[in-house]
Amino acid sequence: MVLRQLLRVPALLRAAVAVQLRRNVGLSAVAFNRAKELDPVQKMFLDKIREYNTKSKQAGGPVDVGPEFQKDMNESLARLQKMYGEGDLTKFPEFKFEVKEEESEQLREHLAASHG
């Protein structure tokens, strides 16, 4: 009886229901995989990643690096600043385009002619 009623529903609604069911099944599979026990190697790997993440947040940068790494990092940053300007490398650059009034007027005329 339910099957007959489902067959009477318009095709668009059936498609929407099918998509929703697929999503729910997909989410259930992800939840099931997370709940599943990990093997010891996977568990140890994830624990080490979490431990490193905690240490790096506390240190404010890379963990367990020697002076050689810090020297290379500083040289690389200096090289990048020299190549791309003396600005802040953590910010996206701001671009300023100067358009002369004459060019602006020519562009307006061209657009008006092409659309008119």
N, C-alpha and C. Protein backbone atom coordinates (compact mmCIF):
# COMPACT_ATOMS: atom_id res chain seq x y z
N MET A 1 0.81 -1.18 0.00
CA MET A 1 0.00 0.00 0.00
C MET A 1 0.87 1.26 0.00
N VAL A 2 1.89 1.29 0.83
CA VAL A 2 2.79 2.44 0.88
C VAL A 2 3.52 2.57 -0.44
N LEU A 3 3.88 1.45 -1.03
CA LEU A 3 4.58 1.48 -2.31
C LEU A 3 3.71 2.11 -3.39
N ARG A 4 2.43 1.79 -3.41
CA ARG A 4 1.52 2.39 -4.40
C ARG A 4 1.43 3.90 -4.21
N GLN A 5 1.36 4.33 -2.97
CA GLN A 5 1.28 5.77 -2.71
C GLN A 5 2.57 6.47 -3.12
N LEU A 6 3.69 5.81 -2.89
CA LEU A 6 4.98 6.39 -3.28
C LEU A 6 5.09 6.52 -4.79
N LEU A 7 4.53 5.55 -5.50
CA LEU A 7 4.59 5.61 -6.97
C LEU A 7 3.71 6.72 -7.52
N ARG A 8 2.73 7.16 -6.77
CA ARG A 8 1.85 8.23 -7.22
C ARG A 8 2.48 9.61 -7.04
N VAL A 9 3.47 9.70 -6.19
CA VAL A 9 4.13 10.99 -5.93
C VAL A 9 4.85 11.43 -7.20
N PRO A 10 4.77 12.70 -7.53
CA PRO A 10 5.44 13.18 -8.74
C PRO A 10 6.93 12.85 -8.75
N ALA A 11 7.47 12.75 -9.93
CA ALA A 11 8.86 12.34 -10.11
C ALA A 11 9.84 13.29 -9.43
N LEU A 12 9.52 14.56 -9.45
CA LEU A 12 10.42 15.54 -8.83
C LEU A 12 10.53 15.33 -7.33
N LEU A 13 9.40 15.06 -6.71
CA LEU A 13 9.42 14.82 -5.27
C LEU A 13 10.16 13.53 -4.95
N ARG A 14 9.97 12.50 -5.78
CA ARG A 14 10.69 11.24 -5.57
C ARG A 14 12.19 11.46 -5.67
N ALA A 15 12.61 12.29 -6.64
CA ALA A 15 14.03 12.55 -6.81
C ALA A 15 14.59 13.26 -5.57
N ALA A 16 13.83 14.21 -5.04
CA ALA A 16 14.27 14.93 -3.84
C ALA A 16 14.39 13.99 -2.65
N VAL A 17 13.44 13.09 -2.51
CA VAL A 17 13.48 12.12 -1.41
C VAL A 17 14.68 11.20 -1.58
N ALA A 18 14.95 10.79 -2.81
CA ALA A 18 16.09 9.90 -3.06
C ALA A 18 17.40 10.58 -2.69
N VAL A 19 17.53 11.85 -3.04
CA VAL A 19 18.75 12.59 -2.69
C VAL A 19 18.90 12.67 -1.18
N GLN A 20 17.82 12.95 -0.48
CA GLN A 20 17.87 13.06 0.98
C GLN A 20 18.25 11.72 1.60
N LEU A 21 17.69 10.63 1.08
CA LEU A 21 18.03 9.31 1.61
C LEU A 21 19.50 8.99 1.38
N ARG A 22 20.02 9.34 0.18
CA ARG A 22 21.43 9.10 -0.10
C ARG A 22 22.31 9.88 0.87
N ARG A 23 21.94 11.13 1.15
CA ARG A 23 22.72 11.94 2.10
C ARG A 23 22.72 11.30 3.47
N ASN A 24 21.55 10.86 3.92
CA ASN A 24 21.47 10.26 5.25
C ASN A 24 22.29 8.98 5.34
N VAL A 25 22.25 8.18 4.30
CA VAL A 25 23.03 6.94 4.29
C VAL A 25 24.51 7.28 4.31
N GLY A 26 24.91 8.30 3.54
CA GLY A 26 26.31 8.71 3.52
C GLY A 26 26.78 9.21 4.87
N LEU A 27 25.96 10.01 5.54
CA LEU A 27 26.34 10.50 6.87
C LEU A 27 26.40 9.37 7.88
N SER A 28 25.50 8.41 7.75
CA SER A 28 25.51 7.27 8.66
C SER A 28 26.79 6.46 8.49
N ALA A 29 27.24 6.32 7.24
CA ALA A 29 28.47 5.57 6.99
C ALA A 29 29.67 6.27 7.61
N VAL A 30 29.72 7.59 7.51
CA VAL A 30 30.83 8.34 8.11
C VAL A 30 30.81 8.18 9.63
N ALA A 31 29.64 8.32 10.22
CA ALA A 31 29.53 8.18 11.68
C ALA A 31 29.92 6.77 12.11
N PHE A 32 29.52 5.76 11.34
CA PHE A 32 29.85 4.38 11.68
C PHE A 32 31.36 4.16 11.61
N ASN A 33 32.01 4.71 10.57
CA ASN A 33 33.45 4.53 10.43
C ASN A 33 34.22 5.20 11.57
N ARG A 34 33.72 6.33 12.07
CA ARG A 34 34.41 7.00 13.17
C ARG A 34 34.25 6.22 14.46
N ALA A 35 33.12 5.57 14.62
CA ALA A 35 32.86 4.83 15.84
C ALA A 35 33.62 3.51 15.87
N LYS A 36 34.01 3.03 14.70
CA LYS A 36 34.71 1.76 14.59
C LYS A 36 36.08 1.85 15.28
N GLU A 37 36.50 0.79 15.89
CA GLU A 37 37.80 0.77 16.55
C GLU A 37 38.92 0.86 15.53
N LEU A 38 39.93 1.66 15.85
CA LEU A 38 41.10 1.78 15.00
C LEU A 38 42.11 0.72 15.39
N ASP A 39 42.94 0.32 14.42
CA ASP A 39 43.99 -0.61 14.80
C ASP A 39 45.05 0.17 15.59
N PRO A 40 45.91 -0.51 16.32
CA PRO A 40 46.86 0.18 17.21
C PRO A 40 47.79 1.17 16.50
N VAL A 41 48.21 0.86 15.29
CA VAL A 41 49.11 1.76 14.56
C VAL A 41 48.38 3.05 14.19
N GLN A 42 47.14 2.94 13.71
CA GLN A 42 46.36 4.13 13.37
C GLN A 42 46.11 4.98 14.61
N LYS A 43 45.77 4.32 15.70
CA LYS A 43 45.50 5.04 16.94
C LYS A 43 46.74 5.78 17.41
N MET A 44 47.91 5.13 17.37
CA MET A 44 49.15 5.76 17.79
C MET A 44 49.49 6.95 16.88
N PHE A 45 49.27 6.79 15.58
CA PHE A 45 49.53 7.86 14.62
C PHE A 45 48.66 9.08 14.93
N LEU A 46 47.37 8.86 15.14
CA LEU A 46 46.47 9.97 15.45
C LEU A 46 46.82 10.62 16.79
N ASP A 47 47.22 9.81 17.77
CA ASP A 47 47.61 10.37 19.07
C ASP A 47 48.84 11.27 18.92
N LYS A 48 49.81 10.85 18.11
CA LYS A 48 51.02 11.66 17.90
C LYS A 48 50.69 12.96 17.18
N ILE A 49 49.77 12.91 16.21
CA ILE A 49 49.37 14.13 15.51
C ILE A 49 48.69 15.09 16.48
N ARG A 50 47.82 14.58 17.32
CA ARG A 50 47.14 15.43 18.31
C ARG A 50 48.14 16.02 19.31
N GLU A 51 49.10 15.19 19.73
CA GLU A 51 50.13 15.66 20.67
C GLU A 51 50.97 16.78 20.04
N TYR A 52 51.37 16.59 18.78
CA TYR A 52 52.16 17.62 18.08
C TYR A 52 51.34 18.90 17.92
N ASN A 53 50.07 18.76 17.60
CA ASN A 53 49.20 19.92 17.44
C ASN A 53 49.13 20.72 18.75
N THR A 54 48.99 20.03 19.86
CA THR A 54 48.94 20.69 21.17
C THR A 54 50.26 21.40 21.46
N LYS A 55 51.39 20.72 21.21
CA LYS A 55 52.71 21.32 21.47
C LYS A 55 52.95 22.53 20.58
N SER A 56 52.56 22.44 19.31
CA SER A 56 52.81 23.56 18.40
C SER A 56 51.97 24.77 18.77
N LYS A 57 50.76 24.54 19.28
CA LYS A 57 49.93 25.67 19.73
C LYS A 57 50.55 26.33 20.96
N GLN A 58 51.10 25.52 21.86
CA GLN A 58 51.73 26.07 23.06
C GLN A 58 53.01 26.82 22.71
N ALA A 59 53.78 26.29 21.77
CA ALA A 59 55.05 26.92 21.39
C ALA A 59 54.85 28.09 20.44
N GLY A 60 53.71 28.14 19.78
CA GLY A 60 53.46 29.22 18.84
C GLY A 60 54.18 29.04 17.52
N GLY A 61 54.52 27.83 17.17
CA GLY A 61 55.22 27.56 15.91
C GLY A 61 55.66 26.12 15.85
N PRO A 62 56.64 25.83 14.99
CA PRO A 62 57.14 24.46 14.87
C PRO A 62 57.74 23.96 16.18
N VAL A 63 57.64 22.65 16.40
CA VAL A 63 58.10 22.03 17.64
C VAL A 63 59.36 21.22 17.35
N ASP A 64 60.25 21.20 18.32
CA ASP A 64 61.47 20.39 18.26
C ASP A 64 62.32 20.70 17.03
N VAL A 65 62.47 21.98 16.72
CA VAL A 65 63.33 22.37 15.60
C VAL A 65 64.61 22.95 16.16
N GLY A 66 65.68 22.72 15.43
CA GLY A 66 66.97 23.22 15.88
C GLY A 66 67.26 24.60 15.32
N PRO A 67 68.43 25.13 15.66
CA PRO A 67 68.80 26.46 15.17
C PRO A 67 68.96 26.50 13.65
N GLU A 68 69.33 25.37 13.06
CA GLU A 68 69.50 25.32 11.59
C GLU A 68 68.16 25.58 10.89
N PHE A 69 67.10 24.97 11.40
CA PHE A 69 65.78 25.17 10.81
C PHE A 69 65.35 26.63 10.94
N GLN A 70 65.55 27.21 12.12
CA GLN A 70 65.16 28.60 12.35
C GLN A 70 65.96 29.53 11.44
N LYS A 71 67.24 29.24 11.25
CA LYS A 71 68.08 30.06 10.37
C LYS A 71 67.57 29.98 8.93
N ASP A 72 67.26 28.76 8.46
CA ASP A 72 66.73 28.59 7.10
C ASP A 72 65.39 29.30 6.94
N MET A 73 64.56 29.23 7.96
CA MET A 73 63.25 29.88 7.92
C MET A 73 63.41 31.39 7.81
N ASN A 74 64.30 31.97 8.61
CA ASN A 74 64.52 33.42 8.57
C ASN A 74 65.08 33.86 7.22
N GLU A 75 66.01 33.06 6.66
CA GLU A 75 66.57 33.39 5.34
C GLU A 75 65.50 33.34 4.27
N SER A 76 64.64 32.34 4.34
CA SER A 76 63.56 32.22 3.35
C SER A 76 62.60 33.40 3.45
N LEU A 77 62.24 33.78 4.66
CA LEU A 77 61.34 34.92 4.84
C LEU A 77 61.99 36.21 4.33
N ALA A 78 63.28 36.39 4.60
CA ALA A 78 63.98 37.59 4.13
C ALA A 78 64.01 37.61 2.60
N ARG A 79 64.26 36.46 1.98
CA ARG A 79 64.28 36.38 0.52
C ARG A 79 62.90 36.70 -0.06
N LEU A 80 61.85 36.18 0.55
CA LEU A 80 60.50 36.47 0.07
C LEU A 80 60.14 37.94 0.23
N GLN A 81 60.53 38.52 1.34
CA GLN A 81 60.25 39.94 1.54
C GLN A 81 60.99 40.80 0.53
N LYS A 82 62.21 40.39 0.20
CA LYS A 82 62.99 41.14 -0.79
C LYS A 82 62.34 41.01 -2.17
N MET A 83 61.84 39.81 -2.49
CA MET A 83 61.23 39.58 -3.81
C MET A 83 59.88 40.27 -3.95
N TYR A 84 59.08 40.25 -2.91
CA TYR A 84 57.69 40.71 -3.01
C TYR A 84 57.42 41.99 -2.23
N GLY A 85 58.44 42.72 -1.93
CA GLY A 85 58.23 43.98 -1.22
C GLY A 85 58.45 43.81 0.26
N GLU A 86 58.52 44.91 0.91
CA GLU A 86 58.82 44.90 2.34
C GLU A 86 57.58 44.77 3.20
N GLY A 87 56.44 44.48 2.62
CA GLY A 87 55.19 44.42 3.36
C GLY A 87 55.06 43.18 4.22
N ASP A 88 53.93 43.07 4.85
CA ASP A 88 53.61 41.94 5.71
C ASP A 88 53.27 40.73 4.84
N LEU A 89 54.02 39.64 4.99
CA LEU A 89 53.80 38.46 4.15
C LEU A 89 52.59 37.65 4.57
N THR A 90 52.01 37.96 5.72
CA THR A 90 50.84 37.21 6.16
C THR A 90 49.54 37.82 5.67
N LYS A 91 49.59 38.99 5.04
CA LYS A 91 48.39 39.65 4.53
C LYS A 91 48.35 39.56 3.01
N PHE A 92 47.16 39.52 2.47
CA PHE A 92 46.99 39.55 1.03
C PHE A 92 47.28 40.97 0.56
N PRO A 93 48.03 41.12 -0.52
CA PRO A 93 48.39 42.47 -0.97
C PRO A 93 47.18 43.26 -1.45
N GLU A 94 47.26 44.57 -1.29
CA GLU A 94 46.21 45.45 -1.77
C GLU A 94 46.67 46.04 -3.10
N PHE A 95 45.82 45.94 -4.09
CA PHE A 95 46.15 46.45 -5.41
C PHE A 95 45.43 47.77 -5.64
N LYS A 96 46.14 48.73 -6.19
CA LYS A 96 45.54 50.02 -6.52
C LYS A 96 45.80 50.28 -8.00
N PHE A 97 44.74 50.37 -8.76
CA PHE A 97 44.85 50.63 -10.18
C PHE A 97 44.48 52.08 -10.45
N GLU A 98 45.35 52.75 -11.15
CA GLU A 98 45.08 54.13 -11.51
C GLU A 98 44.57 54.17 -12.94
N VAL A 99 43.39 54.72 -13.11
CA VAL A 99 42.79 54.85 -14.44
C VAL A 99 42.70 56.34 -14.73
N LYS A 100 43.30 56.72 -15.84
CA LYS A 100 43.26 58.13 -16.22
C LYS A 100 41.85 58.48 -16.69
N GLU A 101 41.47 59.71 -16.50
CA GLU A 101 40.14 60.18 -16.88
C GLU A 101 39.90 59.97 -18.37
N GLU A 102 40.93 60.17 -19.17
CA GLU A 102 40.83 60.00 -20.62
C GLU A 102 40.49 58.55 -20.98
N GLU A 103 41.18 57.60 -20.34
CA GLU A 103 40.91 56.18 -20.59
C GLU A 103 39.52 55.81 -20.11
N SER A 104 39.11 56.37 -19.00
CA SER A 104 37.79 56.10 -18.46
C SER A 104 36.70 56.57 -19.42
N GLU A 105 36.89 57.74 -19.98
CA GLU A 105 35.91 58.29 -20.93
C GLU A 105 35.86 57.43 -22.20
N GLN A 106 37.01 56.99 -22.69
CA GLN A 106 37.05 56.13 -23.88
C GLN A 106 36.32 54.82 -23.61
N LEU A 107 36.50 54.28 -22.44
CA LEU A 107 35.83 53.03 -22.08
C LEU A 107 34.32 53.22 -22.02
N ARG A 108 33.87 54.32 -21.43
CA ARG A 108 32.43 54.61 -21.38
C ARG A 108 31.85 54.73 -22.79
N GLU A 109 32.55 55.44 -23.68
CA GLU A 109 32.09 55.60 -25.06
C GLU A 109 32.02 54.26 -25.77
N HIS A 110 33.03 53.44 -25.56
CA HIS A 110 33.06 52.12 -26.20
C HIS A 110 31.89 51.25 -25.71
N LEU A 111 31.65 51.26 -24.41
CA LEU A 111 30.55 50.47 -23.86
C LEU A 111 29.20 50.99 -24.33
N ALA A 112 29.06 52.29 -24.40
CA ALA A 112 27.80 52.87 -24.88
C ALA A 112 27.56 52.52 -26.34
N ALA A 113 28.61 52.53 -27.16
CA ALA A 113 28.47 52.21 -28.58
C ALA A 113 28.15 50.72 -28.77
N SER A 114 28.74 49.86 -27.96
CA SER A 114 28.51 48.43 -28.14
C SER A 114 27.14 48.00 -27.63
N HIS A 115 26.59 48.70 -26.67
CA HIS A 115 25.27 48.36 -26.13
C HIS A 115 24.15 49.19 -26.73
N GLY A 116 24.49 50.17 -27.49
CA GLY A 116 23.45 51.08 -28.00
C GLY A 116 23.01 50.81 -29.37
